[in-house]
Amino acid sequence: MNISSAILHIAPGRLAEAREALLKLSGLEIHAETPEGKMVVVLEDDDLESAANKYVTLHGLPGVASVAMVYQYSDDESVETEEVQA
């Protein structure tokens, strides 16, 4: 499991377009947004590779000028479960 949050800076005139694209990404929630173009998003994924790919995707979305990760947590629950069962 991987949970992270980021602040996105988006061109104010493209907020609606960016919001629409963001909401199509699985495991992503928009938690805050300003008219000036800042958004706080939270991403939840099964693994770090998938999360990393989403961050690459965020940089390419319409109107997104920058993406800054502000929090990240990862835990491999499947390994812990296998060790307990062994």
PDB file of N, CA and C in Angstrom:
ATOM      1  N   MET A   1       0.849  -1.168   0.000  1.00  0.00           N
ATOM      2  CA  MET A   1       0.000   0.000   0.000  1.00  0.00           C
ATOM      3  C   MET A   1       0.894   1.231   0.000  1.00  0.00           C
ATOM      4  N   ASN A   2       0.486   2.231  -0.750  1.00  0.00           N
ATOM      5  CA  ASN A   2       1.207   3.487  -0.824  1.00  0.00           C
ATOM      6  C   ASN A   2       0.191   4.624  -0.774  1.00  0.00           C
ATOM      7  N   ILE A   3       0.406   5.548   0.154  1.00  0.00           N
ATOM      8  CA  ILE A   3      -0.452   6.727   0.264  1.00  0.00           C
ATOM      9  C   ILE A   3       0.462   7.943   0.195  1.00  0.00           C
ATOM     10  N   SER A   4       0.086   8.905  -0.633  1.00  0.00           N
ATOM     11  CA  SER A   4       0.877  10.118  -0.727  1.00  0.00           C
ATOM     12  C   SER A   4      -0.030  11.301  -1.021  1.00  0.00           C
ATOM     13  N   SER A   5       0.493  12.485  -0.766  1.00  0.00           N
ATOM     14  CA  SER A   5      -0.258  13.693  -1.095  1.00  0.00           C
ATOM     15  C   SER A   5       0.668  14.656  -1.807  1.00  0.00           C
ATOM     16  N   ALA A   6       0.066  15.525  -2.606  1.00  0.00           N
ATOM     17  CA  ALA A   6       0.845  16.476  -3.392  1.00  0.00           C
ATOM     18  C   ALA A   6       0.076  17.772  -3.551  1.00  0.00           C
ATOM     19  N   ILE A   7       0.837  18.829  -3.774  1.00  0.00           N
ATOM     20  CA  ILE A   7       0.260  20.124  -4.129  1.00  0.00           C
ATOM     21  C   ILE A   7       0.547  20.325  -5.606  1.00  0.00           C
ATOM     22  N   LEU A   8      -0.497  20.600  -6.361  1.00  0.00           N
ATOM     23  CA  LEU A   8      -0.368  20.867  -7.794  1.00  0.00           C
ATOM     24  C   LEU A   8      -0.588  22.347  -8.039  1.00  0.00           C
ATOM     25  N   HIS A   9       0.214  22.920  -8.905  1.00  0.00           N
ATOM     26  CA  HIS A   9       0.005  24.297  -9.356  1.00  0.00           C
ATOM     27  C   HIS A   9      -0.497  24.196 -10.793  1.00  0.00           C
ATOM     28  N   ILE A  10      -1.682  24.761 -11.012  1.00  0.00           N
ATOM     29  CA  ILE A  10      -2.360  24.638 -12.296  1.00  0.00           C
ATOM     30  C   ILE A  10      -2.675  26.040 -12.821  1.00  0.00           C
ATOM     31  N   ALA A  11      -2.555  26.218 -14.116  1.00  0.00           N
ATOM     32  CA  ALA A  11      -2.919  27.495 -14.732  1.00  0.00           C
ATOM     33  C   ALA A  11      -4.383  27.782 -14.399  1.00  0.00           C
ATOM     34  N   PRO A  12      -4.688  28.926 -13.774  1.00  0.00           N
ATOM     35  CA  PRO A  12      -6.065  29.208 -13.339  1.00  0.00           C
ATOM     36  C   PRO A  12      -7.115  29.047 -14.429  1.00  0.00           C
ATOM     37  N   GLY A  13      -6.784  29.379 -15.652  1.00  0.00           N
ATOM     38  CA  GLY A  13      -7.733  29.260 -16.745  1.00  0.00           C
ATOM     39  C   GLY A  13      -7.994  27.821 -17.180  1.00  0.00           C
ATOM     40  N   ARG A  14      -7.220  26.881 -16.634  1.00  0.00           N
ATOM     41  CA  ARG A  14      -7.365  25.479 -17.024  1.00  0.00           C
ATOM     42  C   ARG A  14      -7.768  24.587 -15.856  1.00  0.00           C
ATOM     43  N   LEU A  15      -8.245  25.198 -14.771  1.00  0.00           N
ATOM     44  CA  LEU A  15      -8.628  24.421 -13.580  1.00  0.00           C
ATOM     45  C   LEU A  15      -9.707  23.378 -13.881  1.00  0.00           C
ATOM     46  N   ALA A  16     -10.738  23.760 -14.589  1.00  0.00           N
ATOM     47  CA  ALA A  16     -11.831  22.825 -14.880  1.00  0.00           C
ATOM     48  C   ALA A  16     -11.329  21.643 -15.706  1.00  0.00           C
ATOM     49  N   GLU A  17     -10.506  21.927 -16.685  1.00  0.00           N
ATOM     50  CA  GLU A  17      -9.944  20.878 -17.547  1.00  0.00           C
ATOM     51  C   GLU A  17      -9.040  19.941 -16.735  1.00  0.00           C
ATOM     52  N   ALA A  18      -8.203  20.517 -15.877  1.00  0.00           N
ATOM     53  CA  ALA A  18      -7.310  19.708 -15.045  1.00  0.00           C
ATOM     54  C   ALA A  18      -8.112  18.871 -14.048  1.00  0.00           C
ATOM     55  N   ARG A  19      -9.123  19.472 -13.423  1.00  0.00           N
ATOM     56  CA  ARG A  19      -9.957  18.752 -12.458  1.00  0.00           C
ATOM     57  C   ARG A  19     -10.604  17.532 -13.108  1.00  0.00           C
ATOM     58  N   GLU A  20     -11.127  17.724 -14.306  1.00  0.00           N
ATOM     59  CA  GLU A  20     -11.769  16.627 -15.023  1.00  0.00           C
ATOM     60  C   GLU A  20     -10.771  15.488 -15.287  1.00  0.00           C
ATOM     61  N   ALA A  21      -9.565  15.829 -15.704  1.00  0.00           N
ATOM     62  CA  ALA A  21      -8.532  14.818 -15.968  1.00  0.00           C
ATOM     63  C   ALA A  21      -8.105  14.122 -14.678  1.00  0.00           C
ATOM     64  N   LEU A  22      -7.975  14.888 -13.595  1.00  0.00           N
ATOM     65  CA  LEU A  22      -7.572  14.304 -12.309  1.00  0.00           C
ATOM     66  C   LEU A  22      -8.597  13.301 -11.800  1.00  0.00           C
ATOM     67  N   LEU A  23      -9.855  13.628 -11.923  1.00  0.00           N
ATOM     68  CA  LEU A  23     -10.904  12.759 -11.402  1.00  0.00           C
ATOM     69  C   LEU A  23     -11.011  11.438 -12.164  1.00  0.00           C
ATOM     70  N   LYS A  24     -10.380  11.354 -13.330  1.00  0.00           N
ATOM     71  CA  LYS A  24     -10.371  10.109 -14.094  1.00  0.00           C
ATOM     72  C   LYS A  24      -9.300   9.135 -13.602  1.00  0.00           C
ATOM     73  N   LEU A  25      -8.358   9.626 -12.773  1.00  0.00           N
ATOM     74  CA  LEU A  25      -7.292   8.774 -12.262  1.00  0.00           C
ATOM     75  C   LEU A  25      -7.801   7.965 -11.071  1.00  0.00           C
ATOM     76  N   SER A  26      -7.627   6.665 -11.128  1.00  0.00           N
ATOM     77  CA  SER A  26      -8.078   5.819 -10.011  1.00  0.00           C
ATOM     78  C   SER A  26      -7.204   6.070  -8.782  1.00  0.00           C
ATOM     79  N   GLY A  27      -7.822   6.032  -7.626  1.00  0.00           N
ATOM     80  CA  GLY A  27      -7.099   6.203  -6.374  1.00  0.00           C
ATOM     81  C   GLY A  27      -6.698   7.628  -6.059  1.00  0.00           C
ATOM     82  N   LEU A  28      -7.224   8.610  -6.783  1.00  0.00           N
ATOM     83  CA  LEU A  28      -6.881  10.009  -6.540  1.00  0.00           C
ATOM     84  C   LEU A  28      -8.102  10.759  -6.032  1.00  0.00           C
ATOM     85  N   GLU A  29      -7.895  11.548  -4.987  1.00  0.00           N
ATOM     86  CA  GLU A  29      -8.955  12.411  -4.448  1.00  0.00           C
ATOM     87  C   GLU A  29      -8.435  13.833  -4.375  1.00  0.00           C
ATOM     88  N   ILE A  30      -9.273  14.781  -4.747  1.00  0.00           N
ATOM     89  CA  ILE A  30      -8.943  16.197  -4.610  1.00  0.00           C
ATOM     90  C   ILE A  30      -9.477  16.645  -3.251  1.00  0.00           C
ATOM     91  N   HIS A  31      -8.588  17.183  -2.413  1.00  0.00           N
ATOM     92  CA  HIS A  31      -8.997  17.588  -1.066  1.00  0.00           C
ATOM     93  C   HIS A  31      -9.150  19.088  -0.903  1.00  0.00           C
ATOM     94  N   ALA A  32      -8.488  19.863  -1.743  1.00  0.00           N
ATOM     95  CA  ALA A  32      -8.615  21.326  -1.650  1.00  0.00           C
ATOM     96  C   ALA A  32      -8.252  21.930  -2.996  1.00  0.00           C
ATOM     97  N   GLU A  33      -8.811  23.115  -3.232  1.00  0.00           N
ATOM     98  CA  GLU A  33      -8.563  23.801  -4.505  1.00  0.00           C
ATOM     99  C   GLU A  33      -8.762  25.292  -4.290  1.00  0.00           C
ATOM    100  N   THR A  34      -7.897  26.100  -4.912  1.00  0.00           N
ATOM    101  CA  THR A  34      -8.061  27.549  -4.845  1.00  0.00           C
ATOM    102  C   THR A  34      -8.293  28.093  -6.248  1.00  0.00           C
ATOM    103  N   PRO A  35      -8.950  29.252  -6.359  1.00  0.00           N
ATOM    104  CA  PRO A  35      -9.166  29.865  -7.677  1.00  0.00           C
ATOM    105  C   PRO A  35      -7.853  30.259  -8.356  1.00  0.00           C
ATOM    106  N   GLU A  36      -6.789  30.407  -7.562  1.00  0.00           N
ATOM    107  CA  GLU A  36      -5.482  30.782  -8.124  1.00  0.00           C
ATOM    108  C   GLU A  36      -4.763  29.601  -8.775  1.00  0.00           C
ATOM    109  N   GLY A  37      -5.277  28.387  -8.609  1.00  0.00           N
ATOM    110  CA  GLY A  37      -4.698  27.240  -9.291  1.00  0.00           C
ATOM    111  C   GLY A  37      -3.922  26.261  -8.442  1.00  0.00           C
ATOM    112  N   LYS A  38      -4.090  26.308  -7.130  1.00  0.00           N
ATOM    113  CA  LYS A  38      -3.427  25.310  -6.282  1.00  0.00           C
ATOM    114  C   LYS A  38      -4.438  24.226  -5.920  1.00  0.00           C
ATOM    115  N   MET A  39      -3.986  22.966  -5.968  1.00  0.00           N
ATOM    116  CA  MET A  39      -4.823  21.830  -5.572  1.00  0.00           C
ATOM    117  C   MET A  39      -4.025  20.917  -4.657  1.00  0.00           C
ATOM    118  N   VAL A  40      -4.706  20.375  -3.674  1.00  0.00           N
ATOM    119  CA  VAL A  40      -4.125  19.352  -2.813  1.00  0.00           C
ATOM    120  C   VAL A  40      -4.808  18.044  -3.177  1.00  0.00           C
ATOM    121  N   VAL A  41      -3.997  17.044  -3.537  1.00  0.00           N
ATOM    122  CA  VAL A  41      -4.535  15.742  -3.909  1.00  0.00           C
ATOM    123  C   VAL A  41      -3.918  14.660  -3.048  1.00  0.00           C
ATOM    124  N   VAL A  42      -4.661  13.572  -2.868  1.00  0.00           N
ATOM    125  CA  VAL A  42      -4.165  12.390  -2.172  1.00  0.00           C
ATOM    126  C   VAL A  42      -4.272  11.230  -3.150  1.00  0.00           C
ATOM    127  N   LEU A  43      -3.199  10.443  -3.222  1.00  0.00           N
ATOM    128  CA  LEU A  43      -3.166   9.274  -4.087  1.00  0.00           C
ATOM    129  C   LEU A  43      -2.974   8.022  -3.246  1.00  0.00           C
ATOM    130  N   GLU A  44      -3.721   6.984  -3.569  1.00  0.00           N
ATOM    131  CA  GLU A  44      -3.569   5.701  -2.899  1.00  0.00           C
ATOM    132  C   GLU A  44      -3.367   4.631  -3.960  1.00  0.00           C
ATOM    133  N   ASP A  45      -2.312   3.833  -3.787  1.00  0.00           N
ATOM    134  CA  ASP A  45      -1.965   2.782  -4.743  1.00  0.00           C
ATOM    135  C   ASP A  45      -1.560   1.514  -4.011  1.00  0.00           C
ATOM    136  N   ASP A  46      -1.481   0.436  -4.785  1.00  0.00           N
ATOM    137  CA  ASP A  46      -1.070  -0.841  -4.218  1.00  0.00           C
ATOM    138  C   ASP A  46       0.441  -0.944  -4.053  1.00  0.00           C
ATOM    139  N   ASP A  47       1.195  -0.250  -4.894  1.00  0.00           N
ATOM    140  CA  ASP A  47       2.649  -0.362  -4.810  1.00  0.00           C
ATOM    141  C   ASP A  47       3.326   0.938  -5.216  1.00  0.00           C
ATOM    142  N   LEU A  48       4.624   1.027  -4.935  1.00  0.00           N
ATOM    143  CA  LEU A  48       5.383   2.246  -5.219  1.00  0.00           C
ATOM    144  C   LEU A  48       5.516   2.514  -6.713  1.00  0.00           C
ATOM    145  N   GLU A  49       5.660   1.472  -7.512  1.00  0.00           N
ATOM    146  CA  GLU A  49       5.821   1.672  -8.950  1.00  0.00           C
ATOM    147  C   GLU A  49       4.577   2.316  -9.554  1.00  0.00           C
ATOM    148  N   SER A  50       3.410   1.832  -9.154  1.00  0.00           N
ATOM    149  CA  SER A  50       2.159   2.401  -9.642  1.00  0.00           C
ATOM    150  C   SER A  50       2.034   3.863  -9.209  1.00  0.00           C
ATOM    151  N   ALA A  51       2.409   4.144  -7.976  1.00  0.00           N
ATOM    152  CA  ALA A  51       2.354   5.522  -7.473  1.00  0.00           C
ATOM    153  C   ALA A  51       3.299   6.419  -8.266  1.00  0.00           C
ATOM    154  N   ALA A  52       4.490   5.936  -8.532  1.00  0.00           N
ATOM    155  CA  ALA A  52       5.465   6.718  -9.296  1.00  0.00           C
ATOM    156  C   ALA A  52       4.931   7.021 -10.693  1.00  0.00           C
ATOM    157  N   ASN A  53       4.289   6.052 -11.298  1.00  0.00           N
ATOM    158  CA  ASN A  53       3.710   6.263 -12.631  1.00  0.00           C
ATOM    159  C   ASN A  53       2.616   7.329 -12.599  1.00  0.00           C
ATOM    160  N   LYS A  54       1.831   7.361 -11.514  1.00  0.00           N
ATOM    161  CA  LYS A  54       0.792   8.391 -11.398  1.00  0.00           C
ATOM    162  C   LYS A  54       1.411   9.779 -11.293  1.00  0.00           C
ATOM    163  N   TYR A  55       2.527   9.891 -10.580  1.00  0.00           N
ATOM    164  CA  TYR A  55       3.177  11.201 -10.471  1.00  0.00           C
ATOM    165  C   TYR A  55       3.692  11.664 -11.829  1.00  0.00           C
ATOM    166  N   VAL A  56       4.184  10.751 -12.636  1.00  0.00           N
ATOM    167  CA  VAL A  56       4.603  11.098 -13.993  1.00  0.00           C
ATOM    168  C   VAL A  56       3.388  11.578 -14.782  1.00  0.00           C
ATOM    169  N   THR A  57       2.260  10.888 -14.630  1.00  0.00           N
ATOM    170  CA  THR A  57       1.021  11.266 -15.314  1.00  0.00           C
ATOM    171  C   THR A  57       0.564  12.660 -14.882  1.00  0.00           C
ATOM    172  N   LEU A  58       0.648  12.957 -13.579  1.00  0.00           N
ATOM    173  CA  LEU A  58       0.225  14.269 -13.080  1.00  0.00           C
ATOM    174  C   LEU A  58       0.967  15.401 -13.786  1.00  0.00           C
ATOM    175  N   HIS A  59       2.262  15.223 -14.005  1.00  0.00           N
ATOM    176  CA  HIS A  59       3.064  16.269 -14.659  1.00  0.00           C
ATOM    177  C   HIS A  59       2.607  16.539 -16.087  1.00  0.00           C
ATOM    178  N   GLY A  60       1.967  15.560 -16.726  1.00  0.00           N
ATOM    179  CA  GLY A  60       1.551  15.726 -18.108  1.00  0.00           C
ATOM    180  C   GLY A  60       0.105  16.145 -18.305  1.00  0.00           C
ATOM    181  N   LEU A  61      -0.623  16.364 -17.228  1.00  0.00           N
ATOM    182  CA  LEU A  61      -2.037  16.741 -17.349  1.00  0.00           C
ATOM    183  C   LEU A  61      -2.189  18.180 -17.818  1.00  0.00           C
ATOM    184  N   PRO A  62      -3.309  18.489 -18.476  1.00  0.00           N
ATOM    185  CA  PRO A  62      -3.525  19.835 -19.024  1.00  0.00           C
ATOM    186  C   PRO A  62      -3.461  20.914 -17.948  1.00  0.00           C
ATOM    187  N   GLY A  63      -2.639  21.923 -18.190  1.00  0.00           N
ATOM    188  CA  GLY A  63      -2.567  23.063 -17.297  1.00  0.00           C
ATOM    189  C   GLY A  63      -1.697  22.891 -16.069  1.00  0.00           C
ATOM    190  N   VAL A  64      -1.193  21.691 -15.803  1.00  0.00           N
ATOM    191  CA  VAL A  64      -0.384  21.455 -14.599  1.00  0.00           C
ATOM    192  C   VAL A  64       1.015  22.015 -14.829  1.00  0.00           C
ATOM    193  N   ALA A  65       1.391  22.987 -13.994  1.00  0.00           N
ATOM    194  CA  ALA A  65       2.701  23.617 -14.095  1.00  0.00           C
ATOM    195  C   ALA A  65       3.726  22.937 -13.195  1.00  0.00           C
ATOM    196  N   SER A  66       3.277  22.453 -12.015  1.00  0.00           N
ATOM    197  CA  SER A  66       4.206  21.769 -11.116  1.00  0.00           C
ATOM    198  C   SER A  66       3.449  20.834 -10.176  1.00  0.00           C
ATOM    199  N   VAL A  67       4.186  19.835  -9.698  1.00  0.00           N
ATOM    200  CA  VAL A  67       3.657  18.843  -8.757  1.00  0.00           C
ATOM    201  C   VAL A  67       4.696  18.693  -7.662  1.00  0.00           C
ATOM    202  N   ALA A  68       4.281  18.888  -6.411  1.00  0.00           N
ATOM    203  CA  ALA A  68       5.206  18.757  -5.286  1.00  0.00           C
ATOM    204  C   ALA A  68       4.633  17.768  -4.273  1.00  0.00           C
ATOM    205  N   MET A  69       5.300  16.620  -4.120  1.00  0.00           N
ATOM    206  CA  MET A  69       4.866  15.652  -3.121  1.00  0.00           C
ATOM    207  C   MET A  69       5.171  16.216  -1.736  1.00  0.00           C
ATOM    208  N   VAL A  70       4.186  16.144  -0.828  1.00  0.00           N
ATOM    209  CA  VAL A  70       4.386  16.669   0.516  1.00  0.00           C
ATOM    210  C   VAL A  70       4.299  15.585   1.588  1.00  0.00           C
ATOM    211  N   TYR A  71       3.808  14.404   1.224  1.00  0.00           N
ATOM    212  CA  TYR A  71       3.710  13.309   2.190  1.00  0.00           C
ATOM    213  C   TYR A  71       3.719  11.998   1.433  1.00  0.00           C
ATOM    214  N   GLN A  72       4.374  10.975   2.009  1.00  0.00           N
ATOM    215  CA  GLN A  72       4.374   9.651   1.401  1.00  0.00           C
ATOM    216  C   GLN A  72       4.521   8.597   2.482  1.00  0.00           C
ATOM    217  N   TYR A  73       3.690   7.567   2.401  1.00  0.00           N
ATOM    218  CA  TYR A  73       3.758   6.434   3.321  1.00  0.00           C
ATOM    219  C   TYR A  73       3.602   5.166   2.500  1.00  0.00           C
ATOM    220  N   SER A  74       4.439   4.171   2.763  1.00  0.00           N
ATOM    221  CA  SER A  74       4.272   2.889   2.082  1.00  0.00           C
ATOM    222  C   SER A  74       4.463   1.762   3.088  1.00  0.00           C
ATOM    223  N   ASP A  75       3.758   0.681   2.817  1.00  0.00           N
ATOM    224  CA  ASP A  75       3.792  -0.481   3.686  1.00  0.00           C
ATOM    225  C   ASP A  75       3.485  -1.698   2.825  1.00  0.00           C
ATOM    226  N   ASP A  76       4.249  -2.741   2.968  1.00  0.00           N
ATOM    227  CA  ASP A  76       4.008  -3.958   2.193  1.00  0.00           C
ATOM    228  C   ASP A  76       3.235  -4.935   3.054  1.00  0.00           C
ATOM    229  N   GLU A  77       1.922  -4.780   3.068  1.00  0.00           N
ATOM    230  CA  GLU A  77       1.058  -5.624   3.903  1.00  0.00           C
ATOM    231  C   GLU A  77       1.114  -7.088   3.493  1.00  0.00           C
ATOM    232  N   SER A  78       1.287  -7.374   2.196  1.00  0.00           N
ATOM    233  CA  SER A  78       1.282  -8.752   1.748  1.00  0.00           C
ATOM    234  C   SER A  78       2.465  -9.529   2.313  1.00  0.00           C
ATOM    235  N   VAL A  79       3.631  -8.895   2.482  1.00  0.00           N
ATOM    236  CA  VAL A  79       4.792  -9.575   3.049  1.00  0.00           C
ATOM    237  C   VAL A  79       4.528  -9.922   4.497  1.00  0.00           C
ATOM    238  N   GLU A  80       3.959  -8.997   5.251  1.00  0.00           N
ATOM    239  CA  GLU A  80       3.669  -9.255   6.658  1.00  0.00           C
ATOM    240  C   GLU A  80       2.670 -10.406   6.796  1.00  0.00           C
ATOM    241  N   THR A  81       1.669 -10.454   5.954  1.00  0.00           N
ATOM    242  CA  THR A  81       0.674 -11.515   6.008  1.00  0.00           C
ATOM    243  C   THR A  81       1.307 -12.870   5.711  1.00  0.00           C
ATOM    244  N   GLU A  82       2.182 -12.938   4.697  1.00  0.00           N
ATOM    245  CA  GLU A  82       2.838 -14.189   4.343  1.00  0.00           C
ATOM    246  C   GLU A  82       3.737 -14.670   5.468  1.00  0.00           C
ATOM    247  N   GLU A  83       4.444 -13.759   6.118  1.00  0.00           N
ATOM    248  CA  GLU A  83       5.348 -14.148   7.200  1.00  0.00           C
ATOM    249  C   GLU A  83       4.569 -14.713   8.385  1.00  0.00           C
ATOM    250  N   VAL A  84       3.429 -14.157   8.692  1.00  0.00           N
ATOM    251  CA  VAL A  84       2.614 -14.623   9.806  1.00  0.00           C
ATOM    252  C   VAL A  84       2.071 -16.008   9.511  1.00  0.00           C
ATOM    253  N   GLN A  85       1.682 -16.255   8.262  1.00  0.00           N
ATOM    254  CA  GLN A  85       1.109 -17.555   7.894  1.00  0.00           C
ATOM    255  C   GLN A  85       2.174 -18.639   7.804  1.00  0.00           C
ATOM    256  N   ALA A  86       3.423 -18.305   7.586  1.00  0.00           N
ATOM    257  CA  ALA A  86       4.476 -19.300   7.384  1.00  0.00           C
ATOM    258  C   ALA A  86       4.859 -20.040   8.628  1.00  0.00           C
TER     259      ALA A  86
END
